[in-house]
Amino acid sequence: MQWWQILLLTLYSFYQICDELTIVSSAGSPVFAGFVAGLVMGDVKTGLLIGGSLQLVVLGVGTFGGASRIDATSGAVLATAFSVAQNIDPEIAISTIAVPVAGLLVYTDILGRFTTTFFAHRVDAAIERFDYKGIERNYLLGALPWGLSRALPVFLALAFGGSLVETLVAALEEPNFAWIAAGLTLAARMLPGLGFAILLHYLPVKRNLHYLAAGFGLTAMLTVLYGNISALGGAVASIVPAVNELIPEATLSFTNNFKGLSMIGISIIGILLAVLHYQNARRTVVAAPVSNVESGEIEDDEF
């Protein structure tokens, strides 16, 4: 791993938590972190695969008040960097690097939270003096503990953790430990499902079960449709060369460029259903401002 790659990933790690707390441009999300890390490391596909998987893991995970949560963003950065640098399978990198790092960085998150109170007290004192410059200065300085809570662990891991990761990869490649690698791969594949389960637990599924069923049905039908079309394209592509050999004057050509199920299509369907639900909710609020709320479920007006 080159020094400039370590520097860029460290600077991004510093910025991403500040963006998450202030600008909220989604630059601090795991999928964006995977994209940036993949871009820096020269393998965007791996970065998006790891970042997207971790994004699904934390879909239903949120923080309330001063609570901390796993830092999947830093986990995506380190997992992508080591996966590309050490040629690790992305799924194994998720389970062996991303998830443990995300859990460990809860402690640095807590450290960043309570060290910012020093600057908060300085802001309070500046308010009493009507020192507007002091308020601004200490507010900006409060970003340092937050940024360092991510940048410092990422830098130390990238700069000094390569040998440890290399040893781990070498051990997993041993025939005697192949079952461990298989188990870690399976665990990584299950994590996005866990994220969906957590999300569904907090969503008002009981009232909107028809939307969930419709989305599942559309996805299943489109999957079968795209699968059959892809199989048909593959069959035609295999026949064309044989036809050209049997009939020399024939100049048939066919490129099998059929892709799998388009997630853009599924997203459009999801947006359509979301807009319909939003419009129905607005009409319901206008007609009846007071409505019954299901216990433990988040209402639309609470977002």
Foldseek 3Di string as FASTA:
>chain_A
DDPVLLVVLLVLLLVLLVCVVPVNPCCNALQVLLQVLCVSLVHNPLSNVLSVLLNLLCVLPDDDDLAFFFRLNLLSNVLNNLCSVLVNDSLLSCLPGRVVNSVVLSVLSVVLVVVLVVLVVQLVVCVVVVNPVSNVVSVVVSSVSVSCSGSVVSSCCVVPVNVVVNVVVVVCPDPVNVVVSVVSSVVSVCSSVNSVVSNVVAAPCVVVVVVVVVLVVVVVVLQVVLVVVLVVLVVVQVVVVVVCVVPVVDDDHGDRPRDGRDVVVSVVVVVVVVVVVVVVVVVVCVVPVDDDDDPNYDDPVND
